[in-house]
Amino acid sequence: MESFNLPLPAEFIGPLWVGVQILLILLAGYILQRIVARFLTRLGERYPFPSQLLLPLRGGLRWFIMGSAVIIVLERLGVSATVLWTALSGFVAVAAIAFFAMWSVLSNLLCAVLIFTVGPFRIGDSVELLDTLDKPGVKGRVIAINLLYTTLVEPADIGSGSSMVQVPNSLFFQRSVRRWRESDL
């Protein structure tokens, strides 16, 4: 009985070889990151490094190694490294600009959550934001707290009506606050 040895056509050998190279690159990246993780674990056991230092270092190196392996794989698939770095740097630049543009909004949102959960003051309380301990700042009764601002009604001065002022929530965590509960007044 004859066995059939069919040679692979040349058009299959090229992609097959690229597939084998991709698998080897990913395997090498996985093995390298495991070796680095084991090295850092042993380093932490031998020397008194805090785990708060080793854990982010291990994670950062893992992302760096596997990210490098993915970039090498993409190069093997024909994607130019210049194009990848240009796209990545453009994305990072846009993300950084968006982050800085939204920083004050995100800060006020986080402070609103803290005001609702920690409760440094409530609606109906009178509060005063102090610039310094001897210099008075904004003072008023809290009538509303939303995600960006806390609305205060300032006490009426002689001869004028009261006014409302909206204070960004983040200011309550950047300055000293004097508070009087509604029941204390």
C-alpha atoms as a PDB file:
ATOM      1  CA  MET A   1       0.000   0.000   0.000  1.00  0.00           C
ATOM      2  CA  GLU A   2       1.331   3.354  -0.993  1.00  0.00           C
ATOM      3  CA  SER A   3       1.261   6.373   1.296  1.00  0.00           C
ATOM      4  CA  PHE A   4       0.466   9.692  -0.147  1.00  0.00           C
ATOM      5  CA  ASN A   5       2.872  12.473   0.687  1.00  0.00           C
ATOM      6  CA  LEU A   6       1.332  15.610  -0.589  1.00  0.00           C
ATOM      7  CA  PRO A   7       3.697  18.554  -0.382  1.00  0.00           C
ATOM      8  CA  LEU A   8       2.219  21.788   0.906  1.00  0.00           C
ATOM      9  CA  PRO A   9       1.825  24.403  -1.774  1.00  0.00           C
ATOM     10  CA  ALA A  10       4.181  27.367  -1.480  1.00  0.00           C
ATOM     11  CA  GLU A  11       1.312  29.749  -0.793  1.00  0.00           C
ATOM     12  CA  PHE A  12       0.547  27.911   2.484  1.00  0.00           C
ATOM     13  CA  ILE A  13       4.128  27.775   3.784  1.00  0.00           C
ATOM     14  CA  GLY A  14       4.515  31.571   4.143  1.00  0.00           C
ATOM     15  CA  PRO A  15       1.393  32.161   6.289  1.00  0.00           C
ATOM     16  CA  LEU A  16       2.056  28.968   8.250  1.00  0.00           C
ATOM     17  CA  TRP A  17       5.582  30.147   9.050  1.00  0.00           C
ATOM     18  CA  VAL A  18       4.245  33.566  10.146  1.00  0.00           C
ATOM     19  CA  GLY A  19       1.702  31.801  12.393  1.00  0.00           C
ATOM     20  CA  VAL A  20       4.457  29.718  13.990  1.00  0.00           C
ATOM     21  CA  GLN A  21       6.518  32.886  14.557  1.00  0.00           C
ATOM     22  CA  ILE A  22       3.537  34.625  16.175  1.00  0.00           C
ATOM     23  CA  LEU A  23       2.983  31.686  18.523  1.00  0.00           C
ATOM     24  CA  LEU A  24       6.687  31.653  19.424  1.00  0.00           C
ATOM     25  CA  ILE A  25       6.691  35.416  20.094  1.00  0.00           C
ATOM     26  CA  LEU A  26       3.624  35.174  22.367  1.00  0.00           C
ATOM     27  CA  LEU A  27       5.079  32.131  24.141  1.00  0.00           C
ATOM     28  CA  ALA A  28       8.397  33.926  24.666  1.00  0.00           C
ATOM     29  CA  GLY A  29       6.566  36.972  26.048  1.00  0.00           C
ATOM     30  CA  TYR A  30       4.547  34.793  28.426  1.00  0.00           C
ATOM     31  CA  ILE A  31       7.628  32.916  29.638  1.00  0.00           C
ATOM     32  CA  LEU A  32       9.593  36.156  30.048  1.00  0.00           C
ATOM     33  CA  GLN A  33       6.859  37.782  32.117  1.00  0.00           C
ATOM     34  CA  ARG A  34       6.609  34.647  34.310  1.00  0.00           C
ATOM     35  CA  ILE A  35      10.399  34.705  34.852  1.00  0.00           C
ATOM     36  CA  VAL A  36      10.291  38.403  35.784  1.00  0.00           C
ATOM     37  CA  ALA A  37       7.345  37.805  38.160  1.00  0.00           C
ATOM     38  CA  ARG A  38       9.166  34.894  39.827  1.00  0.00           C
ATOM     39  CA  PHE A  39      12.329  37.005  40.113  1.00  0.00           C
ATOM     40  CA  LEU A  40      10.409  39.851  41.757  1.00  0.00           C
ATOM     41  CA  THR A  41       8.680  37.430  44.139  1.00  0.00           C
ATOM     42  CA  ARG A  42      12.021  35.958  45.212  1.00  0.00           C
ATOM     43  CA  LEU A  43      13.485  39.437  45.503  1.00  0.00           C
ATOM     44  CA  GLY A  44      10.590  40.385  47.787  1.00  0.00           C
ATOM     45  CA  GLU A  45      11.157  37.279  49.913  1.00  0.00           C
ATOM     46  CA  ARG A  46      14.887  37.879  50.233  1.00  0.00           C
ATOM     47  CA  TYR A  47      14.845  41.636  50.860  1.00  0.00           C
ATOM     48  CA  PRO A  48      12.292  43.600  52.874  1.00  0.00           C
ATOM     49  CA  PHE A  49      10.608  45.360  49.935  1.00  0.00           C
ATOM     50  CA  PRO A  50       7.057  46.458  50.673  1.00  0.00           C
ATOM     51  CA  SER A  51       4.372  44.624  48.730  1.00  0.00           C
ATOM     52  CA  GLN A  52       2.898  48.023  47.757  1.00  0.00           C
ATOM     53  CA  LEU A  53       6.043  48.517  45.663  1.00  0.00           C
ATOM     54  CA  LEU A  54       6.374  45.045  44.166  1.00  0.00           C
ATOM     55  CA  LEU A  55       2.762  44.580  43.086  1.00  0.00           C
ATOM     56  CA  PRO A  56       2.572  47.636  40.763  1.00  0.00           C
ATOM     57  CA  LEU A  57       6.096  46.936  39.509  1.00  0.00           C
ATOM     58  CA  ARG A  58       5.156  43.362  38.630  1.00  0.00           C
ATOM     59  CA  GLY A  59       1.963  44.510  36.894  1.00  0.00           C
ATOM     60  CA  GLY A  60       3.724  47.288  34.995  1.00  0.00           C
ATOM     61  CA  LEU A  61       6.462  44.951  33.749  1.00  0.00           C
ATOM     62  CA  ARG A  62       3.873  42.360  32.730  1.00  0.00           C
ATOM     63  CA  TRP A  63       1.979  44.958  30.662  1.00  0.00           C
ATOM     64  CA  PHE A  64       5.247  46.212  29.143  1.00  0.00           C
ATOM     65  CA  ILE A  65       6.427  42.724  28.151  1.00  0.00           C
ATOM     66  CA  MET A  66       3.099  41.558  26.746  1.00  0.00           C
ATOM     67  CA  GLY A  67       2.515  44.912  25.025  1.00  0.00           C
ATOM     68  CA  SER A  68       5.933  44.630  23.400  1.00  0.00           C
ATOM     69  CA  ALA A  69       5.090  41.103  22.280  1.00  0.00           C
ATOM     70  CA  VAL A  70       1.830  42.309  20.705  1.00  0.00           C
ATOM     71  CA  ILE A  71       3.700  45.088  18.875  1.00  0.00           C
ATOM     72  CA  ILE A  72       6.224  42.560  17.548  1.00  0.00           C
ATOM     73  CA  VAL A  73       3.355  40.309  16.451  1.00  0.00           C
ATOM     74  CA  LEU A  74       1.697  43.212  14.647  1.00  0.00           C
ATOM     75  CA  GLU A  75       4.999  43.946  12.902  1.00  0.00           C
ATOM     76  CA  ARG A  76       5.152  40.322  11.753  1.00  0.00           C
ATOM     77  CA  LEU A  77       1.653  40.783  10.341  1.00  0.00           C
ATOM     78  CA  GLY A  78       2.849  43.763   8.324  1.00  0.00           C
ATOM     79  CA  VAL A  79       1.743  46.686  10.475  1.00  0.00           C
ATOM     80  CA  SER A  80       4.465  49.333  10.648  1.00  0.00           C
ATOM     81  CA  ALA A  81       5.802  50.183  14.107  1.00  0.00           C
ATOM     82  CA  THR A  82       5.850  53.848  13.103  1.00  0.00           C
ATOM     83  CA  VAL A  83       2.133  53.751  12.394  1.00  0.00           C
ATOM     84  CA  LEU A  84       1.472  52.009  15.716  1.00  0.00           C
ATOM     85  CA  TRP A  85       3.515  54.508  17.728  1.00  0.00           C
ATOM     86  CA  THR A  86       1.954  57.446  15.913  1.00  0.00           C
ATOM     87  CA  ALA A  87      -1.549  56.149  16.626  1.00  0.00           C
ATOM     88  CA  LEU A  88      -0.680  55.357  20.253  1.00  0.00           C
ATOM     89  CA  SER A  89       0.947  58.738  20.909  1.00  0.00           C
ATOM     90  CA  GLY A  90      -2.005  60.532  19.267  1.00  0.00           C
ATOM     91  CA  PHE A  91      -4.444  58.603  21.436  1.00  0.00           C
ATOM     92  CA  VAL A  92      -2.444  59.345  24.599  1.00  0.00           C
ATOM     93  CA  ALA A  93      -2.246  63.059  23.733  1.00  0.00           C
ATOM     94  CA  VAL A  94      -6.003  63.309  23.159  1.00  0.00           C
ATOM     95  CA  ALA A  95      -6.722  61.333  26.345  1.00  0.00           C
ATOM     96  CA  ALA A  96      -4.403  63.594  28.369  1.00  0.00           C
ATOM     97  CA  ILE A  97      -6.052  66.745  27.012  1.00  0.00           C
ATOM     98  CA  ALA A  98      -9.513  65.332  27.718  1.00  0.00           C
ATOM     99  CA  PHE A  99      -8.457  64.306  31.230  1.00  0.00           C
ATOM    100  CA  PHE A 100      -7.122  67.772  32.055  1.00  0.00           C
ATOM    101  CA  ALA A 101     -10.175  69.413  30.504  1.00  0.00           C
ATOM    102  CA  MET A 102     -12.480  67.314  32.673  1.00  0.00           C
ATOM    103  CA  TRP A 103     -10.322  67.369  35.825  1.00  0.00           C
ATOM    104  CA  SER A 104     -12.322  70.063  37.629  1.00  0.00           C
ATOM    105  CA  VAL A 105     -15.631  68.440  36.690  1.00  0.00           C
ATOM    106  CA  LEU A 106     -14.428  65.018  37.870  1.00  0.00           C
ATOM    107  CA  SER A 107     -13.070  66.575  41.058  1.00  0.00           C
ATOM    108  CA  ASN A 108     -16.435  68.191  41.804  1.00  0.00           C
ATOM    109  CA  LEU A 109     -18.273  64.926  41.074  1.00  0.00           C
ATOM    110  CA  LEU A 110     -16.033  62.989  43.451  1.00  0.00           C
ATOM    111  CA  CYS A 111     -16.415  65.650  46.127  1.00  0.00           C
ATOM    112  CA  ALA A 112     -20.213  65.527  45.712  1.00  0.00           C
ATOM    113  CA  VAL A 113     -20.119  61.794  46.334  1.00  0.00           C
ATOM    114  CA  LEU A 114     -17.996  62.423  49.427  1.00  0.00           C
ATOM    115  CA  ILE A 115     -20.388  65.117  50.659  1.00  0.00           C
ATOM    116  CA  PHE A 116     -23.336  62.728  50.262  1.00  0.00           C
ATOM    117  CA  THR A 117     -21.577  59.757  51.896  1.00  0.00           C
ATOM    118  CA  VAL A 118     -19.410  61.361  54.597  1.00  0.00           C
ATOM    119  CA  GLY A 119     -21.896  64.134  55.390  1.00  0.00           C
ATOM    120  CA  PRO A 120     -19.703  67.050  56.503  1.00  0.00           C
ATOM    121  CA  PHE A 121     -22.871  69.169  56.212  1.00  0.00           C
ATOM    122  CA  ARG A 122     -26.500  68.759  55.200  1.00  0.00           C
ATOM    123  CA  ILE A 123     -29.200  70.820  53.573  1.00  0.00           C
ATOM    124  CA  GLY A 124     -30.344  73.385  56.130  1.00  0.00           C
ATOM    125  CA  ASP A 125     -26.949  73.721  57.835  1.00  0.00           C
ATOM    126  CA  SER A 126     -25.131  77.046  57.818  1.00  0.00           C
ATOM    127  CA  VAL A 127     -21.571  76.810  56.569  1.00  0.00           C
ATOM    128  CA  GLU A 128     -18.700  79.202  56.125  1.00  0.00           C
ATOM    129  CA  LEU A 129     -15.711  78.578  53.870  1.00  0.00           C
ATOM    130  CA  LEU A 130     -12.666  80.161  55.484  1.00  0.00           C
ATOM    131  CA  ASP A 131      -9.823  81.502  53.348  1.00  0.00           C
ATOM    132  CA  THR A 132      -7.670  81.627  56.492  1.00  0.00           C
ATOM    133  CA  LEU A 133      -8.678  81.275  60.113  1.00  0.00           C
ATOM    134  CA  ASP A 134      -8.740  85.028  60.637  1.00  0.00           C
ATOM    135  CA  LYS A 135     -10.256  85.982  57.259  1.00  0.00           C
ATOM    136  CA  PRO A 136     -13.916  85.087  56.664  1.00  0.00           C
ATOM    137  CA  GLY A 137     -15.002  83.652  53.354  1.00  0.00           C
ATOM    138  CA  VAL A 138     -18.323  82.686  51.825  1.00  0.00           C
ATOM    139  CA  LYS A 139     -21.044  82.093  54.404  1.00  0.00           C
ATOM    140  CA  GLY A 140     -24.615  80.910  54.001  1.00  0.00           C
ATOM    141  CA  ARG A 141     -27.302  78.323  54.613  1.00  0.00           C
ATOM    142  CA  VAL A 142     -27.148  75.198  52.407  1.00  0.00           C
ATOM    143  CA  ILE A 143     -30.298  74.960  50.298  1.00  0.00           C
ATOM    144  CA  ALA A 144     -29.163  72.486  47.612  1.00  0.00           C
ATOM    145  CA  ILE A 145     -26.366  70.038  46.893  1.00  0.00           C
ATOM    146  CA  ASN A 146     -25.944  68.699  43.377  1.00  0.00           C
ATOM    147  CA  LEU A 147     -23.128  66.905  41.568  1.00  0.00           C
ATOM    148  CA  LEU A 148     -21.142  70.053  40.759  1.00  0.00           C
ATOM    149  CA  TYR A 149     -22.163  72.795  43.187  1.00  0.00           C
ATOM    150  CA  THR A 150     -23.520  73.413  46.646  1.00  0.00           C
ATOM    151  CA  THR A 151     -25.950  76.335  46.693  1.00  0.00           C
ATOM    152  CA  LEU A 152     -25.848  78.662  49.697  1.00  0.00           C
ATOM    153  CA  VAL A 153     -28.207  81.498  50.617  1.00  0.00           C
ATOM    154  CA  GLU A 154     -26.124  84.290  52.062  1.00  0.00           C
ATOM    155  CA  PRO A 155     -27.534  86.124  55.075  1.00  0.00           C
ATOM    156  CA  ALA A 156     -29.243  89.394  54.222  1.00  0.00           C
ATOM    157  CA  ASP A 157     -27.130  92.474  54.804  1.00  0.00           C
ATOM    158  CA  ILE A 158     -28.709  95.625  56.169  1.00  0.00           C
ATOM    159  CA  GLY A 159     -30.678  97.288  53.424  1.00  0.00           C
ATOM    160  CA  SER A 160     -30.267  94.495  50.865  1.00  0.00           C
ATOM    161  CA  GLY A 161     -31.910  91.170  50.193  1.00  0.00           C
ATOM    162  CA  SER A 162     -30.222  87.811  50.489  1.00  0.00           C
ATOM    163  CA  SER A 163     -28.352  86.352  47.545  1.00  0.00           C
ATOM    164  CA  MET A 164     -27.537  82.825  46.462  1.00  0.00           C
ATOM    165  CA  VAL A 165     -24.032  81.652  45.724  1.00  0.00           C
ATOM    166  CA  GLN A 166     -22.993  78.378  44.104  1.00  0.00           C
ATOM    167  CA  VAL A 167     -19.783  76.978  45.535  1.00  0.00           C
ATOM    168  CA  PRO A 168     -17.929  74.200  43.660  1.00  0.00           C
ATOM    169  CA  ASN A 169     -18.000  71.043  45.770  1.00  0.00           C
ATOM    170  CA  SER A 170     -14.223  70.639  45.627  1.00  0.00           C
ATOM    171  CA  LEU A 171     -13.739  73.854  47.634  1.00  0.00           C
ATOM    172  CA  PHE A 172     -15.265  72.186  50.683  1.00  0.00           C
ATOM    173  CA  PHE A 173     -12.301  69.805  50.727  1.00  0.00           C
ATOM    174  CA  GLN A 174      -9.645  72.413  49.922  1.00  0.00           C
ATOM    175  CA  ARG A 175     -10.496  74.942  52.616  1.00  0.00           C
ATOM    176  CA  SER A 176     -11.515  74.952  56.234  1.00  0.00           C
ATOM    177  CA  VAL A 177     -15.254  74.814  56.772  1.00  0.00           C
ATOM    178  CA  ARG A 178     -17.115  76.191  59.779  1.00  0.00           C
ATOM    179  CA  ARG A 179     -20.539  74.570  60.244  1.00  0.00           C
ATOM    180  CA  TRP A 180     -23.618  75.185  62.309  1.00  0.00           C
ATOM    181  CA  ARG A 181     -26.341  72.544  62.322  1.00  0.00           C
ATOM    182  CA  GLU A 182     -29.908  73.687  61.725  1.00  0.00           C
ATOM    183  CA  SER A 183     -30.803  72.530  65.246  1.00  0.00           C
ATOM    184  CA  ASP A 184     -27.991  74.654  66.760  1.00  0.00           C
ATOM    185  CA  LEU A 185     -29.365  77.947  65.416  1.00  0.00           C
END
